[in-house]
């Protein structure tokens, strides 16, 4: 159960980082495109969760 909680917490951290990244991109031109970032994030989540 402890392990599930840690994974859930990591998942929410990823979501918050994603929201933060989206906000930053709307203000400044970021090097990564939205699509590249999504690909990286999904790949990262797959490593963590599956």
PDB file of N, CA and C in Angstrom:
ATOM      1  N   UNK A   1       0.832  -1.202   0.000  1.00  0.00           N
ATOM      2  CA  UNK A   1       0.000   0.000   0.000  1.00  0.00           C
ATOM      3  C   UNK A   1       0.869   1.256   0.000  1.00  0.00           C
ATOM      4  N   UNK A   2       1.920   1.224   0.779  1.00  0.00           N
ATOM      5  CA  UNK A   2       2.851   2.360   0.835  1.00  0.00           C
ATOM      6  C   UNK A   2       3.419   2.662  -0.556  1.00  0.00           C
ATOM      7  N   UNK A   3       3.772   1.595  -1.268  1.00  0.00           N
ATOM      8  CA  UNK A   3       4.339   1.748  -2.603  1.00  0.00           C
ATOM      9  C   UNK A   3       3.335   2.388  -3.563  1.00  0.00           C
ATOM     10  N   UNK A   4       2.070   1.983  -3.465  1.00  0.00           N
ATOM     11  CA  UNK A   4       1.019   2.564  -4.305  1.00  0.00           C
ATOM     12  C   UNK A   4       0.870   4.055  -4.040  1.00  0.00           C
ATOM     13  N   UNK A   5       0.953   4.432  -2.769  1.00  0.00           N
ATOM     14  CA  UNK A   5       0.830   5.848  -2.405  1.00  0.00           C
ATOM     15  C   UNK A   5       1.975   6.659  -3.000  1.00  0.00           C
ATOM     16  N   UNK A   6       3.178   6.121  -2.931  1.00  0.00           N
ATOM     17  CA  UNK A   6       4.347   6.806  -3.505  1.00  0.00           C
ATOM     18  C   UNK A   6       4.164   6.985  -5.012  1.00  0.00           C
ATOM     19  N   UNK A   7       3.684   5.944  -5.669  1.00  0.00           N
ATOM     20  CA  UNK A   7       3.460   6.027  -7.113  1.00  0.00           C
ATOM     21  C   UNK A   7       2.390   7.058  -7.439  1.00  0.00           C
ATOM     22  N   UNK A   8       1.325   7.068  -6.646  1.00  0.00           N
ATOM     23  CA  UNK A   8       0.246   8.027  -6.855  1.00  0.00           C
ATOM     24  C   UNK A   8       0.753   9.452  -6.671  1.00  0.00           C
ATOM     25  N   UNK A   9       1.575   9.637  -5.639  1.00  0.00           N
ATOM     26  CA  UNK A   9       2.146  10.951  -5.360  1.00  0.00           C
ATOM     27  C   UNK A   9       3.033  11.392  -6.529  1.00  0.00           C
ATOM     28  N   UNK A  10       3.845  10.487  -7.045  1.00  0.00           N
ATOM     29  CA  UNK A  10       4.700  10.794  -8.201  1.00  0.00           C
ATOM     30  C   UNK A  10       3.860  11.173  -9.411  1.00  0.00           C
ATOM     31  N   UNK A  11       2.747  10.453  -9.584  1.00  0.00           N
ATOM     32  CA  UNK A  11       1.852  10.734 -10.698  1.00  0.00           C
ATOM     33  C   UNK A  11       1.322  12.167 -10.614  1.00  0.00           C
ATOM     34  N   UNK A  12       0.884  12.581  -9.422  1.00  0.00           N
ATOM     35  CA  UNK A  12       0.373  13.940  -9.253  1.00  0.00           C
ATOM     36  C   UNK A  12       1.466  14.984  -9.458  1.00  0.00           C
ATOM     37  N   UNK A  13       2.677  14.664  -9.024  1.00  0.00           N
ATOM     38  CA  UNK A  13       3.807  15.569  -9.257  1.00  0.00           C
ATOM     39  C   UNK A  13       4.017  15.769 -10.756  1.00  0.00           C
ATOM     40  N   UNK A  14       3.916  14.666 -11.519  1.00  0.00           N
ATOM     41  CA  UNK A  14       4.035  14.767 -12.979  1.00  0.00           C
ATOM     42  C   UNK A  14       2.945  15.664 -13.556  1.00  0.00           C
ATOM     43  N   UNK A  15       1.723  15.519 -13.051  1.00  0.00           N
ATOM     44  CA  UNK A  15       0.611  16.341 -13.535  1.00  0.00           C
ATOM     45  C   UNK A  15       0.874  17.815 -13.250  1.00  0.00           C
ATOM     46  N   UNK A  16       1.303  18.113 -12.009  1.00  0.00           N
ATOM     47  CA  UNK A  16       1.580  19.504 -11.652  1.00  0.00           C
ATOM     48  C   UNK A  16       2.714  20.078 -12.493  1.00  0.00           C
ATOM     49  N   UNK A  17       3.753  19.282 -12.717  1.00  0.00           N
ATOM     50  CA  UNK A  17       4.859  19.733 -13.557  1.00  0.00           C
ATOM     51  C   UNK A  17       4.383  19.993 -14.979  1.00  0.00           C
ATOM     52  N   UNK A  18       3.494  19.121 -15.459  1.00  0.00           N
ATOM     53  CA  UNK A  18       2.956  19.276 -16.807  1.00  0.00           C
ATOM     54  C   UNK A  18       2.161  20.581 -16.922  1.00  0.00           C
ATOM     55  N   UNK A  19       1.308  20.859 -15.924  1.00  0.00           N
ATOM     56  CA  UNK A  19       0.525  22.091 -15.919  1.00  0.00           C
ATOM     57  C   UNK A  19       1.454  23.300 -15.873  1.00  0.00           C
ATOM     58  N   UNK A  20       2.466  23.215 -15.014  1.00  0.00           N
ATOM     59  CA  UNK A  20       3.433  24.303 -14.885  1.00  0.00           C
ATOM     60  C   UNK A  20       4.167  24.535 -16.208  1.00  0.00           C
ATOM     61  N   UNK A  21       4.576  23.449 -16.870  1.00  0.00           N
ATOM     62  CA  UNK A  21       5.282  23.536 -18.144  1.00  0.00           C
ATOM     63  C   UNK A  21       4.389  24.181 -19.201  1.00  0.00           C
ATOM     64  N   UNK A  22       3.102  23.818 -19.203  1.00  0.00           N
ATOM     65  CA  UNK A  22       2.159  24.382 -20.159  1.00  0.00           C
ATOM     66  C   UNK A  22       2.023  25.881 -19.947  1.00  0.00           C
ATOM     67  N   UNK A  23       1.942  26.303 -18.693  1.00  0.00           N
ATOM     68  CA  UNK A  23       1.845  27.732 -18.378  1.00  0.00           C
ATOM     69  C   UNK A  23       3.099  28.482 -18.810  1.00  0.00           C
ATOM     70  N   UNK A  24       4.253  27.905 -18.553  1.00  0.00           N
ATOM     71  CA  UNK A  24       5.519  28.527 -18.951  1.00  0.00           C
ATOM     72  C   UNK A  24       5.581  28.670 -20.468  1.00  0.00           C
ATOM     73  N   UNK A  25       5.129  27.633 -21.180  1.00  0.00           N
ATOM     74  CA  UNK A  25       5.171  27.678 -22.640  1.00  0.00           C
ATOM     75  C   UNK A  25       4.277  28.763 -23.207  1.00  0.00           C
ATOM     76  N   UNK A  26       3.172  29.056 -22.534  1.00  0.00           N
ATOM     77  CA  UNK A  26       2.272  30.095 -23.038  1.00  0.00           C
ATOM     78  C   UNK A  26       2.879  31.484 -22.857  1.00  0.00           C
ATOM     79  N   UNK A  27       3.838  31.609 -21.926  1.00  0.00           N
ATOM     80  CA  UNK A  27       4.475  32.904 -21.663  1.00  0.00           C
ATOM     81  C   UNK A  27       5.744  33.062 -22.498  1.00  0.00           C
ATOM     82  N   UNK A  28       6.577  32.032 -22.522  1.00  0.00           N
ATOM     83  CA  UNK A  28       7.842  32.099 -23.259  1.00  0.00           C
ATOM     84  C   UNK A  28       7.908  30.975 -24.287  1.00  0.00           C
ATOM     85  N   UNK A  29       8.722  31.171 -25.324  1.00  0.00           N
ATOM     86  CA  UNK A  29       8.904  30.107 -26.313  1.00  0.00           C
ATOM     87  C   UNK A  29       9.899  29.097 -25.761  1.00  0.00           C
ATOM     88  N   UNK A  30       9.410  27.873 -25.525  1.00  0.00           N
ATOM     89  CA  UNK A  30      10.236  26.823 -24.933  1.00  0.00           C
ATOM     90  C   UNK A  30      10.911  26.023 -26.036  1.00  0.00           C
ATOM     91  N   UNK A  31      12.051  25.416 -25.712  1.00  0.00           N
ATOM     92  CA  UNK A  31      12.781  24.630 -26.706  1.00  0.00           C
ATOM     93  C   UNK A  31      12.003  23.394 -27.139  1.00  0.00           C
ATOM     94  N   UNK A  32      11.409  22.713 -26.169  1.00  0.00           N
ATOM     95  CA  UNK A  32      10.618  21.537 -26.504  1.00  0.00           C
ATOM     96  C   UNK A  32       9.250  21.957 -27.015  1.00  0.00           C
ATOM     97  N   UNK A  33       8.796  21.305 -28.060  1.00  0.00           N
ATOM     98  CA  UNK A  33       7.428  21.538 -28.496  1.00  0.00           C
ATOM     99  C   UNK A  33       6.500  20.777 -27.559  1.00  0.00           C
ATOM    100  N   UNK A  34       5.234  21.131 -27.572  1.00  0.00           N
ATOM    101  CA  UNK A  34       4.254  20.463 -26.712  1.00  0.00           C
ATOM    102  C   UNK A  34       4.224  18.960 -26.995  1.00  0.00           C
ATOM    103  N   UNK A  35       4.298  18.608 -28.272  1.00  0.00           N
ATOM    104  CA  UNK A  35       4.235  17.202 -28.656  1.00  0.00           C
ATOM    105  C   UNK A  35       5.431  16.419 -28.125  1.00  0.00           C
ATOM    106  N   UNK A  36       6.626  16.983 -28.245  1.00  0.00           N
ATOM    107  CA  UNK A  36       7.826  16.320 -27.731  1.00  0.00           C
ATOM    108  C   UNK A  36       7.732  16.135 -26.228  1.00  0.00           C
ATOM    109  N   UNK A  37       7.221  17.166 -25.546  1.00  0.00           N
ATOM    110  CA  UNK A  37       7.106  17.091 -24.092  1.00  0.00           C
ATOM    111  C   UNK A  37       6.124  15.998 -23.681  1.00  0.00           C
ATOM    112  N   UNK A  38       4.985  15.931 -24.384  1.00  0.00           N
ATOM    113  CA  UNK A  38       3.995  14.888 -24.102  1.00  0.00           C
ATOM    114  C   UNK A  38       4.593  13.505 -24.310  1.00  0.00           C
ATOM    115  N   UNK A  39       5.353  13.346 -25.391  1.00  0.00           N
ATOM    116  CA  UNK A  39       5.992  12.063 -25.671  1.00  0.00           C
ATOM    117  C   UNK A  39       6.952  11.678 -24.557  1.00  0.00           C
ATOM    118  N   UNK A  40       7.756  12.642 -24.103  1.00  0.00           N
ATOM    119  CA  UNK A  40       8.693  12.386 -23.013  1.00  0.00           C
ATOM    120  C   UNK A  40       7.956  12.027 -21.732  1.00  0.00           C
ATOM    121  N   UNK A  41       6.879  12.757 -21.436  1.00  0.00           N
ATOM    122  CA  UNK A  41       6.143  12.532 -20.201  1.00  0.00           C
ATOM    123  C   UNK A  41       5.470  11.171 -20.209  1.00  0.00           C
ATOM    124  N   UNK A  42       4.839  10.817 -21.336  1.00  0.00           N
ATOM    125  CA  UNK A  42       4.182   9.516 -21.442  1.00  0.00           C
ATOM    126  C   UNK A  42       5.211   8.396 -21.322  1.00  0.00           C
ATOM    127  N   UNK A  43       6.366   8.564 -21.975  1.00  0.00           N
ATOM    128  CA  UNK A  43       7.437   7.581 -21.869  1.00  0.00           C
ATOM    129  C   UNK A  43       7.922   7.437 -20.444  1.00  0.00           C
ATOM    130  N   UNK A  44       8.049   8.557 -19.750  1.00  0.00           N
ATOM    131  CA  UNK A  44       8.497   8.562 -18.360  1.00  0.00           C
ATOM    132  C   UNK A  44       7.479   7.867 -17.465  1.00  0.00           C
ATOM    133  N   UNK A  45       6.190   8.153 -17.689  1.00  0.00           N
ATOM    134  CA  UNK A  45       5.138   7.515 -16.898  1.00  0.00           C
ATOM    135  C   UNK A  45       5.118   6.015 -17.145  1.00  0.00           C
ATOM    136  N   UNK A  46       5.343   5.605 -18.392  1.00  0.00           N
ATOM    137  CA  UNK A  46       5.383   4.175 -18.694  1.00  0.00           C
ATOM    138  C   UNK A  46       6.507   3.480 -17.938  1.00  0.00           C
ATOM    139  N   UNK A  47       7.649   4.133 -17.828  1.00  0.00           N
ATOM    140  CA  UNK A  47       8.768   3.567 -17.072  1.00  0.00           C
ATOM    141  C   UNK A  47       8.411   3.445 -15.596  1.00  0.00           C
ATOM    142  N   UNK A  48       7.702   4.432 -15.065  1.00  0.00           N
ATOM    143  CA  UNK A  48       7.398   4.443 -13.640  1.00  0.00           C
ATOM    144  C   UNK A  48       6.266   3.500 -13.259  1.00  0.00           C
ATOM    145  N   UNK A  49       5.286   3.349 -14.126  1.00  0.00           N
ATOM    146  CA  UNK A  49       4.052   2.692 -13.716  1.00  0.00           C
ATOM    147  C   UNK A  49       3.830   1.314 -14.322  1.00  0.00           C
ATOM    148  N   UNK A  50       4.515   1.003 -15.437  1.00  0.00           N
ATOM    149  CA  UNK A  50       4.171  -0.251 -16.116  1.00  0.00           C
ATOM    150  C   UNK A  50       5.380  -1.167 -16.277  1.00  0.00           C
TER     151      UNK A  50
END
